[in-house]
Amino acid sequence: MNTGSDEPGEVAVAADETQTDGAQGEQGLGSRAPEFVKARRALHLSWQVGIFTVGLAVVVLGIIMLPLPGPGWVVIFGGMAIWATEFVWAQLVLRWTKRKVTEAAERALDPRVRRRNIILMSIGLVIVAAIVGVYLWKFGFEMPWKIKNQ
């Protein structure tokens, strides 16, 4: 197979084989736009602008949700996934993020780490219970803002 050939059939075969080889391990990088969109430059550019705009709106919504109630990080990663349907840089960022989350999940399932986390959580709960107990002993069920100086 000669990829430098002037015959379009041979170049298309080479591109198909390359895409197939890359898809065996992981999904190939690049645009996932429909073929009729990719065939027309102006339509593909419009498609990319639309994908970027929608992804940006979702990411901004996620950033707004970070300090407010709501799943901020989940929405941000959803926006990244929208971008990843069209842009290679977003696909690479998303793959890196998935790899790091998987590594963190594997570390969290390690028995020693789980035991340490359970011990730390138990100590924290005992400290919080002691503080609440002292507060209730001293002030009863009175709200902090209604306590008069004693």
N, C-alpha and C. Protein backbone atom coordinates (compact mmCIF):
# COMPACT_ATOMS: atom_id res chain seq x y z
N MET A 1 0.85 -1.16 0.00
CA MET A 1 0.00 0.00 0.00
C MET A 1 0.90 1.22 0.00
N ASN A 2 0.65 2.10 -0.91
CA ASN A 2 1.45 3.30 -1.06
C ASN A 2 0.60 4.50 -0.68
N THR A 3 0.88 5.11 0.46
CA THR A 3 0.07 6.24 0.91
C THR A 3 0.41 7.51 0.13
N GLY A 4 1.52 7.52 -0.58
CA GLY A 4 1.91 8.68 -1.36
C GLY A 4 1.35 8.63 -2.77
N SER A 5 0.54 7.65 -3.11
CA SER A 5 0.00 7.49 -4.45
C SER A 5 -1.01 8.59 -4.75
N ASP A 6 -1.17 8.88 -6.05
CA ASP A 6 -2.13 9.88 -6.47
C ASP A 6 -3.54 9.31 -6.57
N GLU A 7 -3.68 8.00 -6.45
CA GLU A 7 -4.99 7.39 -6.57
C GLU A 7 -5.73 7.51 -5.24
N PRO A 8 -6.93 8.11 -5.26
CA PRO A 8 -7.64 8.32 -4.00
C PRO A 8 -8.06 7.03 -3.32
N GLY A 9 -8.30 5.97 -4.05
CA GLY A 9 -8.72 4.71 -3.45
C GLY A 9 -7.67 4.15 -2.51
N GLU A 10 -6.39 4.25 -2.91
CA GLU A 10 -5.32 3.72 -2.06
C GLU A 10 -5.14 4.56 -0.81
N VAL A 11 -5.26 5.86 -0.92
CA VAL A 11 -5.12 6.72 0.25
C VAL A 11 -6.26 6.45 1.22
N ALA A 12 -7.48 6.27 0.71
CA ALA A 12 -8.63 6.01 1.57
C ALA A 12 -8.45 4.69 2.31
N VAL A 13 -7.90 3.67 1.64
CA VAL A 13 -7.67 2.38 2.29
C VAL A 13 -6.65 2.55 3.40
N ALA A 14 -5.59 3.30 3.14
CA ALA A 14 -4.57 3.51 4.16
C ALA A 14 -5.15 4.24 5.36
N ALA A 15 -5.99 5.24 5.12
CA ALA A 15 -6.59 5.98 6.22
C ALA A 15 -7.54 5.08 7.02
N ASP A 16 -8.31 4.23 6.32
CA ASP A 16 -9.21 3.32 7.01
C ASP A 16 -8.45 2.34 7.88
N GLU A 17 -7.34 1.81 7.38
CA GLU A 17 -6.54 0.85 8.17
C GLU A 17 -5.94 1.52 9.38
N THR A 18 -5.46 2.74 9.22
CA THR A 18 -4.88 3.47 10.35
C THR A 18 -5.95 3.71 11.41
N GLN A 19 -7.14 4.10 10.97
CA GLN A 19 -8.21 4.36 11.93
C GLN A 19 -8.61 3.07 12.63
N THR A 20 -8.64 1.97 11.93
CA THR A 20 -9.00 0.69 12.53
C THR A 20 -7.96 0.27 13.55
N ASP A 21 -6.67 0.44 13.21
CA ASP A 21 -5.61 0.08 14.15
C ASP A 21 -5.70 0.90 15.42
N GLY A 22 -5.98 2.19 15.31
CA GLY A 22 -6.08 3.05 16.48
C GLY A 22 -7.32 2.74 17.30
N ALA A 23 -8.38 2.25 16.66
CA ALA A 23 -9.62 1.99 17.37
C ALA A 23 -9.59 0.67 18.13
N GLN A 24 -8.60 -0.18 17.86
CA GLN A 24 -8.55 -1.45 18.56
C GLN A 24 -8.28 -1.25 20.04
N GLY A 25 -7.29 -0.43 20.39
CA GLY A 25 -6.97 -0.19 21.80
C GLY A 25 -7.89 0.85 22.41
N GLU A 26 -8.01 1.98 21.75
CA GLU A 26 -8.84 3.08 22.22
C GLU A 26 -9.51 3.71 21.02
N GLN A 27 -10.57 4.45 21.27
CA GLN A 27 -11.24 5.16 20.19
C GLN A 27 -10.26 6.16 19.60
N GLY A 28 -10.22 6.27 18.28
CA GLY A 28 -9.30 7.17 17.61
C GLY A 28 -9.58 8.62 17.94
N LEU A 29 -8.56 9.45 17.81
CA LEU A 29 -8.71 10.87 18.07
C LEU A 29 -9.27 11.55 16.84
N GLY A 30 -9.91 12.67 17.04
CA GLY A 30 -10.41 13.45 15.92
C GLY A 30 -11.90 13.67 15.99
N SER A 31 -12.40 14.34 14.96
CA SER A 31 -13.80 14.71 14.89
C SER A 31 -14.71 13.50 14.74
N ARG A 32 -15.82 13.55 15.44
CA ARG A 32 -16.83 12.50 15.31
C ARG A 32 -18.06 13.04 14.58
N ALA A 33 -17.86 14.11 13.83
CA ALA A 33 -18.96 14.70 13.07
C ALA A 33 -19.36 13.73 11.95
N PRO A 34 -20.62 13.79 11.53
CA PRO A 34 -21.04 12.94 10.41
C PRO A 34 -20.22 13.24 9.16
N GLU A 35 -20.10 12.25 8.30
CA GLU A 35 -19.26 12.38 7.10
C GLU A 35 -19.72 13.51 6.19
N PHE A 36 -21.04 13.72 6.05
CA PHE A 36 -21.49 14.78 5.15
C PHE A 36 -21.10 16.15 5.70
N VAL A 37 -20.95 16.27 7.03
CA VAL A 37 -20.51 17.53 7.62
C VAL A 37 -19.02 17.72 7.38
N LYS A 38 -18.24 16.65 7.56
CA LYS A 38 -16.79 16.75 7.36
C LYS A 38 -16.44 17.03 5.90
N ALA A 39 -17.29 16.61 4.97
CA ALA A 39 -17.00 16.77 3.55
C ALA A 39 -17.07 18.22 3.11
N ARG A 40 -17.77 19.06 3.82
CA ARG A 40 -17.93 20.46 3.44
C ARG A 40 -17.24 21.33 4.49
N ARG A 41 -16.23 22.06 4.07
CA ARG A 41 -15.40 22.85 4.98
C ARG A 41 -16.22 23.86 5.79
N ALA A 42 -17.08 24.61 5.13
CA ALA A 42 -17.86 25.64 5.83
C ALA A 42 -18.82 24.99 6.84
N LEU A 43 -19.44 23.89 6.45
CA LEU A 43 -20.37 23.20 7.34
C LEU A 43 -19.62 22.62 8.54
N HIS A 44 -18.43 22.06 8.30
CA HIS A 44 -17.64 21.49 9.39
C HIS A 44 -17.19 22.58 10.36
N LEU A 45 -16.80 23.73 9.82
CA LEU A 45 -16.39 24.85 10.69
C LEU A 45 -17.58 25.32 11.52
N SER A 46 -18.76 25.41 10.91
CA SER A 46 -19.96 25.80 11.66
C SER A 46 -20.27 24.76 12.74
N TRP A 47 -20.11 23.50 12.40
CA TRP A 47 -20.33 22.40 13.35
C TRP A 47 -19.39 22.56 14.55
N GLN A 48 -18.11 22.84 14.27
CA GLN A 48 -17.14 23.00 15.35
C GLN A 48 -17.47 24.20 16.23
N VAL A 49 -17.90 25.30 15.62
CA VAL A 49 -18.27 26.48 16.40
C VAL A 49 -19.47 26.16 17.28
N GLY A 50 -20.44 25.43 16.75
CA GLY A 50 -21.61 25.04 17.53
C GLY A 50 -21.23 24.13 18.70
N ILE A 51 -20.39 23.12 18.44
CA ILE A 51 -19.94 22.21 19.50
C ILE A 51 -19.17 22.99 20.56
N PHE A 52 -18.30 23.90 20.12
CA PHE A 52 -17.52 24.68 21.08
C PHE A 52 -18.44 25.55 21.94
N THR A 53 -19.43 26.17 21.32
CA THR A 53 -20.35 27.05 22.05
C THR A 53 -21.17 26.27 23.09
N VAL A 54 -21.72 25.14 22.67
CA VAL A 54 -22.51 24.33 23.60
C VAL A 54 -21.62 23.81 24.75
N GLY A 55 -20.42 23.31 24.41
CA GLY A 55 -19.50 22.84 25.44
C GLY A 55 -19.10 23.94 26.40
N LEU A 56 -18.86 25.14 25.85
CA LEU A 56 -18.48 26.28 26.70
C LEU A 56 -19.62 26.64 27.64
N ALA A 57 -20.85 26.64 27.14
CA ALA A 57 -22.00 26.95 28.00
C ALA A 57 -22.11 25.94 29.14
N VAL A 58 -21.90 24.67 28.84
CA VAL A 58 -22.00 23.64 29.88
C VAL A 58 -20.86 23.79 30.89
N VAL A 59 -19.64 24.07 30.42
CA VAL A 59 -18.50 24.24 31.33
C VAL A 59 -18.72 25.46 32.22
N VAL A 60 -19.20 26.56 31.65
CA VAL A 60 -19.46 27.77 32.45
C VAL A 60 -20.54 27.49 33.49
N LEU A 61 -21.59 26.76 33.10
CA LEU A 61 -22.63 26.37 34.05
C LEU A 61 -22.04 25.54 35.19
N GLY A 62 -21.12 24.64 34.87
CA GLY A 62 -20.46 23.84 35.90
C GLY A 62 -19.61 24.69 36.83
N ILE A 63 -18.93 25.67 36.26
CA ILE A 63 -18.10 26.56 37.09
C ILE A 63 -18.99 27.38 38.03
N ILE A 64 -20.14 27.80 37.53
CA ILE A 64 -21.09 28.53 38.38
C ILE A 64 -21.59 27.62 39.50
N MET A 65 -21.77 26.33 39.21
CA MET A 65 -22.27 25.39 40.22
C MET A 65 -21.24 25.04 41.28
N LEU A 66 -19.97 25.31 41.05
CA LEU A 66 -18.96 24.93 42.04
C LEU A 66 -19.25 25.53 43.42
N PRO A 67 -19.46 26.84 43.54
CA PRO A 67 -19.76 27.36 44.89
C PRO A 67 -21.23 27.21 45.27
N LEU A 68 -22.08 26.96 44.31
CA LEU A 68 -23.52 26.83 44.57
C LEU A 68 -23.89 25.35 44.67
N PRO A 69 -25.08 25.07 45.17
CA PRO A 69 -25.51 23.67 45.21
C PRO A 69 -25.67 23.12 43.79
N GLY A 70 -25.14 21.96 43.59
CA GLY A 70 -25.23 21.33 42.29
C GLY A 70 -23.97 20.55 41.99
N PRO A 71 -24.03 19.68 41.02
CA PRO A 71 -22.88 18.83 40.67
C PRO A 71 -21.91 19.54 39.76
N GLY A 72 -21.20 20.53 40.26
CA GLY A 72 -20.32 21.37 39.44
C GLY A 72 -19.30 20.59 38.64
N TRP A 73 -18.53 19.72 39.30
CA TRP A 73 -17.48 18.99 38.59
C TRP A 73 -18.04 18.04 37.55
N VAL A 74 -19.16 17.42 37.86
CA VAL A 74 -19.78 16.50 36.90
C VAL A 74 -20.21 17.27 35.65
N VAL A 75 -20.76 18.46 35.83
CA VAL A 75 -21.20 19.27 34.69
C VAL A 75 -20.00 19.75 33.89
N ILE A 76 -18.92 20.13 34.58
CA ILE A 76 -17.70 20.56 33.87
C ILE A 76 -17.16 19.42 33.01
N PHE A 77 -17.11 18.21 33.57
CA PHE A 77 -16.62 17.07 32.79
C PHE A 77 -17.59 16.72 31.67
N GLY A 78 -18.87 16.99 31.86
CA GLY A 78 -19.84 16.82 30.78
C GLY A 78 -19.56 17.77 29.63
N GLY A 79 -19.23 19.01 29.95
CA GLY A 79 -18.85 19.98 28.91
C GLY A 79 -17.58 19.56 28.19
N MET A 80 -16.63 19.02 28.95
CA MET A 80 -15.40 18.51 28.32
C MET A 80 -15.73 17.34 27.38
N ALA A 81 -16.68 16.50 27.78
CA ALA A 81 -17.08 15.38 26.92
C ALA A 81 -17.74 15.89 25.64
N ILE A 82 -18.50 16.97 25.74
CA ILE A 82 -19.09 17.56 24.54
C ILE A 82 -17.98 18.07 23.62
N TRP A 83 -17.00 18.77 24.19
CA TRP A 83 -15.87 19.24 23.39
C TRP A 83 -15.10 18.07 22.78
N ALA A 84 -14.99 16.98 23.53
CA ALA A 84 -14.20 15.84 23.07
C ALA A 84 -14.82 15.16 21.86
N THR A 85 -16.08 15.43 21.56
CA THR A 85 -16.66 14.86 20.35
C THR A 85 -16.08 15.49 19.10
N GLU A 86 -15.42 16.63 19.25
CA GLU A 86 -14.93 17.34 18.08
C GLU A 86 -13.46 17.73 18.14
N PHE A 87 -12.91 17.95 19.33
CA PHE A 87 -11.57 18.51 19.44
C PHE A 87 -10.61 17.52 20.08
N VAL A 88 -9.44 17.37 19.45
CA VAL A 88 -8.45 16.41 19.93
C VAL A 88 -7.92 16.82 21.31
N TRP A 89 -7.69 18.11 21.53
CA TRP A 89 -7.15 18.53 22.83
C TRP A 89 -8.09 18.15 23.96
N ALA A 90 -9.41 18.25 23.74
CA ALA A 90 -10.37 17.88 24.78
C ALA A 90 -10.39 16.37 24.97
N GLN A 91 -10.20 15.61 23.90
CA GLN A 91 -10.14 14.16 24.01
C GLN A 91 -8.94 13.74 24.85
N LEU A 92 -7.81 14.41 24.64
CA LEU A 92 -6.61 14.08 25.42
C LEU A 92 -6.79 14.45 26.89
N VAL A 93 -7.38 15.61 27.16
CA VAL A 93 -7.63 16.02 28.55
C VAL A 93 -8.60 15.05 29.22
N LEU A 94 -9.63 14.65 28.50
CA LEU A 94 -10.61 13.73 29.06
C LEU A 94 -10.00 12.36 29.33
N ARG A 95 -9.15 11.88 28.44
CA ARG A 95 -8.46 10.60 28.67
C ARG A 95 -7.56 10.68 29.89
N TRP A 96 -6.82 11.79 30.03
CA TRP A 96 -5.93 11.97 31.18
C TRP A 96 -6.75 11.99 32.47
N THR A 97 -7.89 12.70 32.44
CA THR A 97 -8.75 12.79 33.62
C THR A 97 -9.31 11.42 33.99
N LYS A 98 -9.78 10.68 32.99
CA LYS A 98 -10.31 9.34 33.26
C LYS A 98 -9.23 8.44 33.86
N ARG A 99 -8.02 8.54 33.35
CA ARG A 99 -6.92 7.73 33.87
C ARG A 99 -6.62 8.09 35.33
N LYS A 100 -6.60 9.38 35.65
CA LYS A 100 -6.32 9.82 37.02
C LYS A 100 -7.45 9.42 37.97
N VAL A 101 -8.70 9.52 37.53
CA VAL A 101 -9.83 9.12 38.38
C VAL A 101 -9.78 7.62 38.64
N THR A 102 -9.46 6.84 37.61
CA THR A 102 -9.34 5.39 37.78
C THR A 102 -8.23 5.04 38.76
N GLU A 103 -7.08 5.72 38.64
CA GLU A 103 -5.98 5.48 39.57
C GLU A 103 -6.38 5.84 41.00
N ALA A 104 -7.08 6.95 41.17
CA ALA A 104 -7.52 7.36 42.51
C ALA A 104 -8.52 6.35 43.09
N ALA A 105 -9.41 5.85 42.25
CA ALA A 105 -10.38 4.85 42.72
C ALA A 105 -9.67 3.57 43.14
N GLU A 106 -8.66 3.17 42.38
CA GLU A 106 -7.90 1.96 42.75
C GLU A 106 -7.15 2.17 44.06
N ARG A 107 -6.57 3.36 44.25
CA ARG A 107 -5.88 3.66 45.51
C ARG A 107 -6.85 3.67 46.67
N ALA A 108 -8.06 4.21 46.44
CA ALA A 108 -9.05 4.30 47.52
C ALA A 108 -9.54 2.91 47.93
N LEU A 109 -9.49 1.95 47.03
CA LEU A 109 -9.95 0.60 47.36
C LEU A 109 -8.86 -0.24 48.02
N ASP A 110 -7.66 0.31 48.12
CA ASP A 110 -6.58 -0.40 48.80
C ASP A 110 -6.97 -0.58 50.27
N PRO A 111 -6.88 -1.81 50.82
CA PRO A 111 -7.33 -2.05 52.21
C PRO A 111 -6.64 -1.16 53.24
N ARG A 112 -5.35 -0.89 53.08
CA ARG A 112 -4.66 -0.03 54.05
C ARG A 112 -5.20 1.39 54.01
N VAL A 113 -5.45 1.89 52.81
CA VAL A 113 -5.97 3.26 52.67
C VAL A 113 -7.39 3.33 53.22
N ARG A 114 -8.20 2.32 52.94
CA ARG A 114 -9.56 2.29 53.47
C ARG A 114 -9.55 2.26 54.99
N ARG A 115 -8.68 1.44 55.57
CA ARG A 115 -8.59 1.35 57.03
C ARG A 115 -8.19 2.70 57.61
N ARG A 116 -7.20 3.35 57.01
CA ARG A 116 -6.76 4.67 57.48
C ARG A 116 -7.90 5.68 57.39
N ASN A 117 -8.64 5.67 56.26
CA ASN A 117 -9.74 6.61 56.10
C ASN A 117 -10.85 6.36 57.11
N ILE A 118 -11.14 5.10 57.39
CA ILE A 118 -12.16 4.78 58.38
C ILE A 118 -11.73 5.24 59.77
N ILE A 119 -10.47 5.04 60.12
CA ILE A 119 -9.96 5.49 61.42
C ILE A 119 -10.03 7.00 61.53
N LEU A 120 -9.59 7.72 60.48
CA LEU A 120 -9.64 9.19 60.52
C LEU A 120 -11.07 9.70 60.60
N MET A 121 -11.98 9.07 59.87
CA MET A 121 -13.37 9.48 59.92
C MET A 121 -13.96 9.22 61.30
N SER A 122 -13.62 8.11 61.91
CA SER A 122 -14.12 7.80 63.25
C SER A 122 -13.61 8.81 64.27
N ILE A 123 -12.34 9.15 64.20
CA ILE A 123 -11.78 10.15 65.11
C ILE A 123 -12.48 11.49 64.91
N GLY A 124 -12.71 11.87 63.64
CA GLY A 124 -13.42 13.11 63.36
C GLY A 124 -14.83 13.12 63.91
N LEU A 125 -15.53 12.00 63.77
CA LEU A 125 -16.89 11.91 64.31
C LEU A 125 -16.90 11.99 65.84
N VAL A 126 -15.92 11.38 66.49
CA VAL A 126 -15.83 11.45 67.96
C VAL A 126 -15.59 12.89 68.39
N ILE A 127 -14.73 13.61 67.69
CA ILE A 127 -14.45 15.01 68.02
C ILE A 127 -15.69 15.86 67.83
N VAL A 128 -16.40 15.68 66.72
CA VAL A 128 -17.63 16.44 66.47
C VAL A 128 -18.68 16.11 67.52
N ALA A 129 -18.83 14.84 67.86
CA ALA A 129 -19.80 14.44 68.88
C ALA A 129 -19.45 15.06 70.23
N ALA A 130 -18.16 15.12 70.56
CA ALA A 130 -17.75 15.74 71.83
C ALA A 130 -18.08 17.23 71.84
N ILE A 131 -17.83 17.91 70.74
CA ILE A 131 -18.13 19.35 70.67
C ILE A 131 -19.63 19.58 70.80
N VAL A 132 -20.43 18.77 70.08
CA VAL A 132 -21.89 18.91 70.17
C VAL A 132 -22.36 18.60 71.59
N GLY A 133 -21.78 17.58 72.22
CA GLY A 133 -22.15 17.23 73.59
C GLY A 133 -21.86 18.35 74.55
N VAL A 134 -20.69 18.96 74.46
CA VAL A 134 -20.34 20.07 75.34
C VAL A 134 -21.28 21.24 75.11
N TYR A 135 -21.59 21.52 73.86
CA TYR A 135 -22.51 22.63 73.54
C TYR A 135 -23.89 22.37 74.16
N LEU A 136 -24.40 21.16 73.97
CA LEU A 136 -25.72 20.83 74.51
C LEU A 136 -25.72 20.85 76.04
N TRP A 137 -24.64 20.40 76.67
CA TRP A 137 -24.54 20.41 78.12
C TRP A 137 -24.54 21.84 78.66
N LYS A 138 -23.84 22.73 77.95
CA LYS A 138 -23.71 24.10 78.43
C LYS A 138 -24.93 24.96 78.09
N PHE A 139 -25.47 24.83 76.86
CA PHE A 139 -26.53 25.73 76.40
C PHE A 139 -27.87 25.05 76.14
N GLY A 140 -27.93 23.74 76.11
CA GLY A 140 -29.18 23.05 75.80
C GLY A 140 -29.46 23.10 74.31
N PHE A 141 -30.74 23.05 73.96
CA PHE A 141 -31.12 23.06 72.55
C PHE A 141 -31.36 24.47 72.02
N GLU A 142 -30.61 25.42 72.52
CA GLU A 142 -30.74 26.82 72.12
C GLU A 142 -29.87 27.07 70.89
N MET A 143 -30.40 27.80 69.91
CA MET A 143 -29.64 28.13 68.71
C MET A 143 -28.52 29.10 69.08
N PRO A 144 -27.36 29.02 68.41
CA PRO A 144 -26.22 29.86 68.78
C PRO A 144 -26.53 31.35 68.70
N TRP A 145 -27.33 31.79 67.77
CA TRP A 145 -27.61 33.20 67.64
C TRP A 145 -28.64 33.72 68.65
N LYS A 146 -29.25 32.78 69.42
CA LYS A 146 -30.22 33.19 70.44
C LYS A 146 -29.64 33.10 71.86
N ILE A 147 -28.38 32.73 71.97
CA ILE A 147 -27.76 32.59 73.29
C ILE A 147 -27.47 33.97 73.83
N LYS A 148 -27.90 34.21 75.07
CA LYS A 148 -27.61 35.49 75.72
C LYS A 148 -26.29 35.33 76.48
N ASN A 149 -25.59 36.45 76.64
CA ASN A 149 -24.32 36.42 77.38
C ASN A 149 -24.59 35.98 78.83
N GLN A 150 -23.83 35.04 79.32
CA GLN A 150 -24.02 34.53 80.68
C GLN A 150 -22.82 34.81 81.52
